[in-house]
C-alpha cells in the first residue's frame, strides 16, 4: 500500500495510521484501491466526503496501477443490489464488462492518480478542469467506450 501511494506521486501521511474496515472477512486485494483512497482522503489529497456513495474496487500494483481482480465485477453487482451508490471506480480493463449502477456510472482508471481525479469530481459527473480523456464524450448515449478510446473510460448507467 505504501509503495503504491508513494510511487503514485503522493506523500505517505506522517504519524500513526489506522484504517477501520467493516467486513466479516479479511479483505483481499480488491480492497486496495478503497483503502489507499481513504488514506489519501485522510491526508487531505481529496475531500473525504467524495468517498460517500462511491465504490472503489481494484488491486494496486507497487507502481500505483489499478488492476482488476476476479471479485471486481461481483463487487459492482453487490453495490447495485445494496443500492445507494452513485459511482463505482474500477480498473479500466474491466469497465465495459461491469454491471451498470442504476442512476450512476462505472468509471475505469489506470492508476491511483486517475482514481483521485475522479473522486475530485462532483457526483453529477462534471469533468475535472484538467480532464484530458475525451473518449467518453460525444459517443452514442448508452454505449461504452472501447479501451482504444482513451486511457480511462466511463460507463453510463443507461441510455
N, C-alpha and C. Protein backbone atom coordinates (compact mmCIF):
# COMPACT_ATOMS: atom_id res chain seq x y z
N UNK A 1 0.84 -1.19 0.00
CA UNK A 1 0.00 0.00 0.00
C UNK A 1 0.89 1.26 0.00
N UNK A 2 1.86 1.26 0.87
CA UNK A 2 2.75 2.41 0.99
C UNK A 2 3.47 2.68 -0.33
N UNK A 3 4.00 1.62 -0.95
CA UNK A 3 4.73 1.77 -2.21
C UNK A 3 3.81 2.30 -3.30
N UNK A 4 2.58 1.80 -3.37
CA UNK A 4 1.64 2.25 -4.40
C UNK A 4 1.33 3.73 -4.23
N UNK A 5 1.15 4.17 -3.01
CA UNK A 5 0.84 5.58 -2.75
C UNK A 5 2.03 6.47 -3.09
N UNK A 6 3.20 6.10 -2.64
CA UNK A 6 4.40 6.90 -2.90
C UNK A 6 4.73 6.90 -4.39
N UNK A 7 4.71 5.73 -5.03
CA UNK A 7 5.01 5.65 -6.46
C UNK A 7 3.92 6.26 -7.31
N UNK A 8 2.73 6.45 -6.73
CA UNK A 8 1.65 7.14 -7.42
C UNK A 8 1.81 8.66 -7.38
N UNK A 9 2.82 9.13 -6.67
CA UNK A 9 3.10 10.57 -6.63
C UNK A 9 2.59 11.28 -5.39
N UNK A 10 2.22 10.52 -4.36
CA UNK A 10 1.70 11.13 -3.13
C UNK A 10 2.65 10.85 -1.98
N UNK A 11 2.58 11.70 -0.98
CA UNK A 11 3.40 11.51 0.22
C UNK A 11 2.64 10.61 1.20
N UNK A 12 3.35 9.72 1.83
CA UNK A 12 2.75 8.88 2.86
C UNK A 12 2.47 9.77 4.07
N UNK A 13 1.30 9.69 4.67
CA UNK A 13 0.97 10.56 5.81
C UNK A 13 1.92 10.33 6.99
N UNK A 14 2.24 11.41 7.66
CA UNK A 14 3.08 11.33 8.86
C UNK A 14 2.24 10.81 10.03
N UNK A 15 2.92 10.26 10.99
CA UNK A 15 2.24 9.82 12.20
C UNK A 15 1.65 8.44 12.08
N UNK A 16 0.87 8.08 13.09
CA UNK A 16 0.25 6.77 13.15
C UNK A 16 -0.98 6.74 12.25
N UNK A 17 -1.21 5.61 11.63
CA UNK A 17 -2.31 5.47 10.70
C UNK A 17 -3.10 4.21 11.05
N UNK A 18 -4.41 4.36 11.13
CA UNK A 18 -5.29 3.23 11.41
C UNK A 18 -6.44 3.26 10.42
N UNK A 19 -6.67 2.13 9.74
CA UNK A 19 -7.78 2.03 8.79
C UNK A 19 -8.75 1.00 9.34
N UNK A 20 -10.00 1.40 9.50
CA UNK A 20 -11.02 0.50 10.02
C UNK A 20 -11.86 -0.01 8.86
N UNK A 21 -11.98 -1.33 8.77
CA UNK A 21 -12.77 -1.95 7.71
C UNK A 21 -14.00 -2.60 8.31
N UNK A 22 -15.12 -2.44 7.66
CA UNK A 22 -16.36 -3.05 8.12
C UNK A 22 -16.66 -4.27 7.27
N UNK A 23 -16.12 -5.39 7.67
CA UNK A 23 -16.32 -6.63 6.94
C UNK A 23 -16.16 -7.80 7.88
N UNK A 24 -16.83 -8.88 7.58
CA UNK A 24 -16.69 -10.08 8.39
C UNK A 24 -15.47 -10.90 7.96
N UNK A 25 -15.05 -10.69 6.74
CA UNK A 25 -13.92 -11.44 6.21
C UNK A 25 -12.70 -10.54 6.07
N UNK A 26 -11.55 -11.16 5.99
CA UNK A 26 -10.32 -10.40 5.75
C UNK A 26 -10.38 -9.87 4.32
N UNK A 27 -10.18 -8.56 4.14
CA UNK A 27 -10.29 -8.01 2.79
C UNK A 27 -9.16 -8.53 1.90
N UNK A 28 -9.48 -8.78 0.67
CA UNK A 28 -8.48 -9.21 -0.29
C UNK A 28 -7.93 -8.02 -1.04
N UNK A 29 -7.20 -8.28 -2.12
CA UNK A 29 -6.58 -7.19 -2.88
C UNK A 29 -7.58 -6.28 -3.57
N UNK A 30 -8.83 -6.71 -3.71
CA UNK A 30 -9.85 -5.86 -4.32
C UNK A 30 -10.08 -4.60 -3.49
N UNK A 31 -9.78 -4.65 -2.21
CA UNK A 31 -9.97 -3.50 -1.32
C UNK A 31 -8.82 -2.50 -1.36
N UNK A 32 -7.74 -2.83 -2.06
CA UNK A 32 -6.55 -1.94 -2.09
C UNK A 32 -6.90 -0.52 -2.49
N UNK A 33 -7.64 -0.36 -3.57
CA UNK A 33 -7.95 0.98 -4.07
C UNK A 33 -8.77 1.77 -3.05
N UNK A 34 -9.74 1.14 -2.43
CA UNK A 34 -10.56 1.83 -1.43
C UNK A 34 -9.72 2.25 -0.23
N UNK A 35 -8.85 1.36 0.23
CA UNK A 35 -8.01 1.68 1.39
C UNK A 35 -7.06 2.82 1.06
N UNK A 36 -6.42 2.77 -0.11
CA UNK A 36 -5.49 3.83 -0.50
C UNK A 36 -6.21 5.18 -0.62
N UNK A 37 -7.39 5.17 -1.22
CA UNK A 37 -8.13 6.43 -1.36
C UNK A 37 -8.58 6.97 0.00
N UNK A 38 -8.93 6.08 0.93
CA UNK A 38 -9.29 6.53 2.29
C UNK A 38 -8.07 7.15 2.98
N UNK A 39 -6.92 6.53 2.83
CA UNK A 39 -5.69 7.07 3.42
C UNK A 39 -5.39 8.44 2.83
N UNK A 40 -5.50 8.57 1.52
CA UNK A 40 -5.20 9.85 0.88
C UNK A 40 -6.25 10.91 1.18
N UNK A 41 -7.49 10.50 1.41
CA UNK A 41 -8.52 11.46 1.83
C UNK A 41 -8.20 11.96 3.24
N UNK A 42 -7.79 11.06 4.11
CA UNK A 42 -7.41 11.46 5.47
C UNK A 42 -6.20 12.38 5.46
N UNK A 43 -5.33 12.22 4.47
CA UNK A 43 -4.14 13.06 4.36
C UNK A 43 -4.42 14.38 3.66
N UNK A 44 -5.64 14.58 3.16
CA UNK A 44 -6.02 15.85 2.57
C UNK A 44 -5.86 15.94 1.06
N UNK A 45 -5.59 14.84 0.38
CA UNK A 45 -5.45 14.88 -1.07
C UNK A 45 -6.79 14.96 -1.80
N UNK A 46 -7.84 14.54 -1.14
CA UNK A 46 -9.18 14.62 -1.71
C UNK A 46 -10.15 14.77 -0.55
N UNK A 47 -11.28 15.41 -0.79
CA UNK A 47 -12.28 15.61 0.25
C UNK A 47 -12.84 14.25 0.69
N UNK A 48 -12.78 13.92 1.97
CA UNK A 48 -13.32 12.64 2.44
C UNK A 48 -14.79 12.42 2.05
N UNK A 49 -15.55 13.50 1.90
CA UNK A 49 -16.95 13.38 1.50
C UNK A 49 -17.08 12.78 0.10
N UNK A 50 -16.03 12.87 -0.71
CA UNK A 50 -16.06 12.33 -2.07
C UNK A 50 -16.16 10.81 -2.06
N UNK A 51 -15.82 10.18 -0.94
CA UNK A 51 -15.87 8.72 -0.85
C UNK A 51 -17.29 8.21 -0.63
N UNK A 52 -18.19 9.10 -0.20
CA UNK A 52 -19.57 8.68 0.04
C UNK A 52 -20.25 8.31 -1.27
N UNK A 53 -21.08 7.29 -1.23
CA UNK A 53 -21.84 6.81 -2.39
C UNK A 53 -20.94 6.39 -3.54
N UNK A 54 -19.68 6.04 -3.23
CA UNK A 54 -18.71 5.61 -4.24
C UNK A 54 -18.14 4.25 -3.86
N UNK A 55 -18.10 3.35 -4.81
CA UNK A 55 -17.50 2.04 -4.64
C UNK A 55 -16.15 2.06 -5.33
N UNK A 56 -15.10 1.67 -4.63
CA UNK A 56 -13.75 1.62 -5.19
C UNK A 56 -13.27 0.18 -5.13
N UNK A 57 -13.00 -0.41 -6.29
CA UNK A 57 -12.61 -1.80 -6.35
C UNK A 57 -11.40 -1.98 -7.25
N UNK A 58 -10.33 -2.49 -6.71
CA UNK A 58 -9.16 -2.76 -7.53
C UNK A 58 -7.94 -3.05 -6.69
N UNK A 59 -7.09 -3.88 -7.24
CA UNK A 59 -5.81 -4.19 -6.62
C UNK A 59 -4.79 -3.16 -7.09
N UNK A 60 -3.96 -2.70 -6.18
CA UNK A 60 -2.92 -1.73 -6.53
C UNK A 60 -1.59 -2.43 -6.71
N UNK A 61 -0.93 -2.11 -7.81
CA UNK A 61 0.43 -2.58 -8.01
C UNK A 61 1.37 -1.68 -7.24
N UNK A 62 2.60 -2.10 -7.09
CA UNK A 62 3.59 -1.29 -6.38
C UNK A 62 3.83 0.06 -7.05
N UNK A 63 3.54 0.14 -8.35
CA UNK A 63 3.72 1.40 -9.09
C UNK A 63 2.48 2.28 -9.07
N UNK A 64 1.41 1.86 -8.39
CA UNK A 64 0.20 2.65 -8.30
C UNK A 64 -0.83 2.31 -9.36
N UNK A 65 -0.54 1.35 -10.23
CA UNK A 65 -1.52 0.94 -11.24
C UNK A 65 -2.67 0.18 -10.58
N UNK A 66 -3.86 0.34 -11.15
CA UNK A 66 -5.04 -0.35 -10.65
C UNK A 66 -5.30 -1.56 -11.55
N UNK A 67 -5.41 -2.71 -10.90
CA UNK A 67 -5.66 -3.96 -11.62
C UNK A 67 -7.01 -4.52 -11.19
N UNK A 68 -7.63 -5.23 -12.11
CA UNK A 68 -8.88 -5.89 -11.75
C UNK A 68 -8.57 -7.18 -11.00
N UNK A 69 -9.55 -7.66 -10.29
CA UNK A 69 -9.45 -8.95 -9.61
C UNK A 69 -10.71 -9.74 -9.98
N UNK A 70 -10.72 -11.02 -9.71
CA UNK A 70 -11.93 -11.80 -10.01
C UNK A 70 -13.17 -11.28 -9.27
N UNK A 71 -12.99 -10.55 -8.18
CA UNK A 71 -14.11 -10.05 -7.39
C UNK A 71 -14.62 -8.68 -7.85
N UNK A 72 -13.98 -8.04 -8.81
CA UNK A 72 -14.36 -6.69 -9.21
C UNK A 72 -15.80 -6.64 -9.72
N UNK A 73 -16.14 -7.47 -10.67
CA UNK A 73 -17.49 -7.43 -11.24
C UNK A 73 -18.55 -7.77 -10.20
N UNK A 74 -18.27 -8.76 -9.37
CA UNK A 74 -19.25 -9.12 -8.35
C UNK A 74 -19.38 -8.01 -7.30
N UNK A 75 -18.29 -7.27 -7.06
CA UNK A 75 -18.36 -6.13 -6.14
C UNK A 75 -19.26 -5.02 -6.65
N UNK A 76 -19.18 -4.74 -7.95
CA UNK A 76 -20.07 -3.74 -8.54
C UNK A 76 -21.50 -4.24 -8.50
N UNK A 77 -21.69 -5.52 -8.78
CA UNK A 77 -23.04 -6.11 -8.73
C UNK A 77 -23.61 -6.02 -7.32
N UNK A 78 -22.79 -6.29 -6.32
CA UNK A 78 -23.22 -6.21 -4.93
C UNK A 78 -23.61 -4.77 -4.57
N UNK A 79 -22.84 -3.80 -5.05
CA UNK A 79 -23.17 -2.39 -4.81
C UNK A 79 -24.52 -2.05 -5.45
N UNK A 80 -24.78 -2.62 -6.62
CA UNK A 80 -26.06 -2.42 -7.29
C UNK A 80 -27.20 -2.98 -6.44
N UNK A 81 -27.00 -4.18 -5.91
CA UNK A 81 -28.03 -4.83 -5.09
C UNK A 81 -28.28 -4.04 -3.80
N UNK A 82 -27.19 -3.58 -3.17
CA UNK A 82 -27.32 -2.82 -1.92
C UNK A 82 -27.99 -1.47 -2.15
N UNK A 83 -27.70 -0.85 -3.28
CA UNK A 83 -28.29 0.44 -3.62
C UNK A 83 -27.61 1.59 -2.89
N UNK A 84 -27.90 2.80 -3.33
CA UNK A 84 -27.37 3.99 -2.69
C UNK A 84 -26.04 4.47 -3.23
N UNK A 85 -25.43 3.72 -4.14
CA UNK A 85 -24.15 4.12 -4.71
C UNK A 85 -24.37 4.83 -6.03
N UNK A 86 -23.64 5.93 -6.23
CA UNK A 86 -23.81 6.70 -7.44
C UNK A 86 -22.68 6.51 -8.44
N UNK A 87 -21.57 5.96 -7.99
CA UNK A 87 -20.48 5.69 -8.92
C UNK A 87 -19.60 4.57 -8.39
N UNK A 88 -18.98 3.90 -9.33
CA UNK A 88 -18.00 2.88 -9.00
C UNK A 88 -16.74 3.21 -9.78
N UNK A 89 -15.61 3.00 -9.16
CA UNK A 89 -14.32 3.21 -9.81
C UNK A 89 -13.60 1.87 -9.79
N UNK A 90 -13.27 1.39 -11.00
CA UNK A 90 -12.65 0.07 -11.17
C UNK A 90 -11.49 0.20 -12.16
N UNK A 91 -10.75 -0.89 -12.34
CA UNK A 91 -9.68 -0.91 -13.34
C UNK A 91 -10.27 -0.71 -14.73
N UNK A 92 -9.60 0.06 -15.56
CA UNK A 92 -10.12 0.35 -16.90
C UNK A 92 -10.25 -0.91 -17.75
N UNK A 93 -9.50 -1.94 -17.43
CA UNK A 93 -9.56 -3.17 -18.22
C UNK A 93 -10.90 -3.90 -18.09
N UNK A 94 -11.69 -3.59 -17.08
CA UNK A 94 -12.98 -4.28 -16.89
C UNK A 94 -14.19 -3.35 -16.90
N UNK A 95 -13.99 -2.08 -17.16
CA UNK A 95 -15.10 -1.13 -17.04
C UNK A 95 -16.26 -1.48 -17.97
N UNK A 96 -15.99 -1.96 -19.16
CA UNK A 96 -17.07 -2.24 -20.11
C UNK A 96 -17.80 -3.54 -19.80
N UNK A 97 -17.24 -4.37 -18.94
CA UNK A 97 -17.89 -5.64 -18.60
C UNK A 97 -18.53 -5.63 -17.22
N UNK A 98 -18.40 -4.54 -16.50
CA UNK A 98 -19.00 -4.45 -15.18
C UNK A 98 -20.50 -4.19 -15.29
N UNK A 99 -21.27 -4.67 -14.31
CA UNK A 99 -22.70 -4.36 -14.30
C UNK A 99 -22.90 -2.85 -14.17
N UNK A 100 -24.04 -2.39 -14.61
CA UNK A 100 -24.36 -0.96 -14.51
C UNK A 100 -24.92 -0.64 -13.13
N UNK A 101 -24.72 0.58 -12.69
CA UNK A 101 -25.32 1.08 -11.46
C UNK A 101 -26.52 1.93 -11.86
N UNK A 102 -27.73 1.53 -11.50
CA UNK A 102 -28.90 2.34 -11.85
C UNK A 102 -28.75 3.77 -11.32
N UNK A 103 -28.84 4.73 -12.21
CA UNK A 103 -28.72 6.13 -11.81
C UNK A 103 -27.30 6.56 -11.53
N UNK A 104 -26.32 5.73 -11.82
CA UNK A 104 -24.93 6.07 -11.55
C UNK A 104 -24.02 5.70 -12.70
N UNK A 105 -22.73 5.76 -12.47
CA UNK A 105 -21.76 5.46 -13.51
C UNK A 105 -20.69 4.53 -12.97
N UNK A 106 -20.05 3.83 -13.89
CA UNK A 106 -18.89 3.00 -13.57
C UNK A 106 -17.72 3.60 -14.33
N UNK A 107 -16.69 4.02 -13.60
CA UNK A 107 -15.52 4.66 -14.19
C UNK A 107 -14.36 3.68 -14.21
N UNK A 108 -13.60 3.69 -15.28
CA UNK A 108 -12.39 2.89 -15.36
C UNK A 108 -11.16 3.76 -15.23
N UNK A 109 -10.21 3.31 -14.43
CA UNK A 109 -8.97 4.06 -14.22
C UNK A 109 -7.78 3.15 -14.42
N UNK A 110 -6.66 3.75 -14.80
CA UNK A 110 -5.42 3.01 -14.96
C UNK A 110 -4.60 3.00 -13.69
N UNK A 111 -4.72 4.08 -12.89
CA UNK A 111 -3.85 4.20 -11.73
C UNK A 111 -4.52 4.99 -10.60
N UNK A 112 -3.83 5.05 -9.50
CA UNK A 112 -4.32 5.73 -8.30
C UNK A 112 -4.60 7.21 -8.56
N UNK A 113 -3.75 7.87 -9.32
CA UNK A 113 -3.94 9.30 -9.61
C UNK A 113 -5.26 9.53 -10.35
N UNK A 114 -5.56 8.69 -11.34
CA UNK A 114 -6.82 8.84 -12.06
C UNK A 114 -8.02 8.60 -11.13
N UNK A 115 -7.88 7.67 -10.21
CA UNK A 115 -8.96 7.42 -9.26
C UNK A 115 -9.22 8.66 -8.41
N UNK A 116 -8.16 9.30 -7.92
CA UNK A 116 -8.35 10.52 -7.13
C UNK A 116 -8.89 11.66 -7.98
N UNK A 117 -8.52 11.71 -9.26
CA UNK A 117 -9.09 12.72 -10.15
C UNK A 117 -10.60 12.54 -10.29
N UNK A 118 -11.05 11.28 -10.42
CA UNK A 118 -12.49 11.03 -10.48
C UNK A 118 -13.15 11.38 -9.16
N UNK A 119 -12.51 11.09 -8.05
CA UNK A 119 -13.09 11.43 -6.75
C UNK A 119 -13.21 12.93 -6.56
N UNK A 120 -12.34 13.69 -7.19
CA UNK A 120 -12.38 15.15 -7.05
C UNK A 120 -13.54 15.76 -7.83
N UNK A 121 -14.15 14.99 -8.72
CA UNK A 121 -15.29 15.48 -9.50
C UNK A 121 -16.56 15.43 -8.66
N UNK A 122 -17.49 16.34 -8.91
CA UNK A 122 -18.78 16.25 -8.23
C UNK A 122 -19.50 14.99 -8.69
N UNK A 123 -20.41 14.49 -7.87
CA UNK A 123 -21.14 13.28 -8.21
C UNK A 123 -21.99 13.43 -9.46
N UNK A 124 -22.27 14.66 -9.89
CA UNK A 124 -23.08 14.83 -11.10
C UNK A 124 -22.29 14.52 -12.36
N UNK A 125 -21.00 14.19 -12.22
CA UNK A 125 -20.21 13.75 -13.36
C UNK A 125 -19.52 14.85 -14.12
N UNK A 126 -19.57 16.08 -13.64
CA UNK A 126 -18.90 17.17 -14.35
C UNK A 126 -17.40 16.86 -14.43
N UNK A 127 -16.80 17.05 -15.59
CA UNK A 127 -15.38 16.71 -15.72
C UNK A 127 -14.50 17.66 -14.94
N UNK A 128 -13.37 17.15 -14.51
CA UNK A 128 -12.38 17.98 -13.84
C UNK A 128 -11.78 18.93 -14.87
N UNK A 129 -11.26 20.05 -14.41
CA UNK A 129 -10.72 21.06 -15.32
C UNK A 129 -9.57 20.51 -16.16
N UNK A 130 -8.80 19.56 -15.63
CA UNK A 130 -7.64 19.05 -16.36
C UNK A 130 -7.92 17.70 -17.02
N UNK A 131 -9.18 17.38 -17.25
CA UNK A 131 -9.54 16.09 -17.85
C UNK A 131 -9.09 16.07 -19.30
N UNK A 132 -8.15 15.20 -19.61
CA UNK A 132 -7.64 15.10 -20.97
C UNK A 132 -8.24 13.91 -21.71
N UNK A 133 -9.02 13.10 -21.07
CA UNK A 133 -9.64 11.94 -21.70
C UNK A 133 -10.93 12.37 -22.37
N UNK A 134 -11.00 12.22 -23.66
CA UNK A 134 -12.20 12.61 -24.38
C UNK A 134 -12.92 11.42 -24.98
N UNK A 135 -12.46 10.23 -24.73
CA UNK A 135 -13.05 9.04 -25.33
C UNK A 135 -14.48 8.79 -24.93
N UNK A 136 -14.91 9.29 -23.77
CA UNK A 136 -16.27 9.03 -23.33
C UNK A 136 -17.22 10.15 -23.69
N UNK A 137 -16.73 11.19 -24.33
CA UNK A 137 -17.59 12.29 -24.74
C UNK A 137 -17.98 12.13 -26.21
N UNK A 138 -19.17 12.51 -26.55
CA UNK A 138 -19.58 12.56 -27.94
C UNK A 138 -19.93 11.20 -28.55
N UNK A 139 -20.01 10.17 -27.76
CA UNK A 139 -20.41 8.88 -28.32
C UNK A 139 -21.91 8.71 -28.16
N UNK A 140 -22.46 7.75 -28.82
CA UNK A 140 -23.88 7.49 -28.74
C UNK A 140 -24.27 7.16 -27.30
N UNK A 141 -25.29 7.80 -26.75
CA UNK A 141 -25.68 7.51 -25.37
C UNK A 141 -25.95 6.02 -25.17
N UNK A 142 -25.47 5.51 -24.04
CA UNK A 142 -25.70 4.12 -23.71
C UNK A 142 -24.64 3.18 -24.23
N UNK A 143 -23.66 3.69 -24.99
CA UNK A 143 -22.59 2.83 -25.47
C UNK A 143 -21.36 3.03 -24.60
N UNK A 144 -20.63 1.98 -24.41
CA UNK A 144 -19.43 2.05 -23.57
C UNK A 144 -18.23 2.36 -24.44
N UNK A 145 -17.23 3.06 -23.90
CA UNK A 145 -16.02 3.33 -24.67
C UNK A 145 -15.20 2.07 -24.83
N UNK A 146 -14.44 2.02 -25.88
CA UNK A 146 -13.52 0.90 -26.03
C UNK A 146 -12.22 1.27 -25.35
N UNK A 147 -11.38 0.28 -25.13
CA UNK A 147 -10.09 0.54 -24.48
C UNK A 147 -9.25 1.47 -25.32
N UNK A 148 -9.47 1.49 -26.63
CA UNK A 148 -8.70 2.34 -27.52
C UNK A 148 -9.14 3.80 -27.46
N UNK A 149 -10.33 4.06 -26.90
CA UNK A 149 -10.84 5.42 -26.87
C UNK A 149 -9.99 6.35 -26.03
N UNK A 150 -9.53 5.88 -24.90
CA UNK A 150 -8.75 6.73 -24.02
C UNK A 150 -8.12 5.87 -22.94
N UNK A 151 -7.32 6.49 -22.11
CA UNK A 151 -6.65 5.75 -21.05
C UNK A 151 -7.60 5.39 -19.92
N UNK A 152 -8.69 6.09 -19.82
CA UNK A 152 -9.70 5.75 -18.82
C UNK A 152 -11.06 5.91 -19.47
N UNK A 153 -12.01 5.20 -18.98
CA UNK A 153 -13.33 5.27 -19.59
C UNK A 153 -14.40 5.46 -18.56
N UNK A 154 -15.57 5.83 -19.00
CA UNK A 154 -16.71 5.99 -18.13
C UNK A 154 -17.87 5.23 -18.75
N UNK A 155 -18.52 4.43 -17.96
CA UNK A 155 -19.67 3.70 -18.46
C UNK A 155 -20.91 4.27 -17.80
N UNK A 156 -21.82 4.86 -18.58
CA UNK A 156 -23.02 5.44 -18.02
C UNK A 156 -23.98 4.37 -17.52
N UNK A 157 -24.90 4.77 -16.68
CA UNK A 157 -25.87 3.83 -16.11
C UNK A 157 -26.75 3.25 -17.19
N UNK A 158 -27.32 4.05 -18.03
CA UNK A 158 -28.17 3.55 -19.12
C UNK A 158 -28.50 4.69 -20.06
N UNK A 159 -29.03 4.32 -21.21
CA UNK A 159 -29.39 5.35 -22.20
C UNK A 159 -30.75 5.91 -21.92
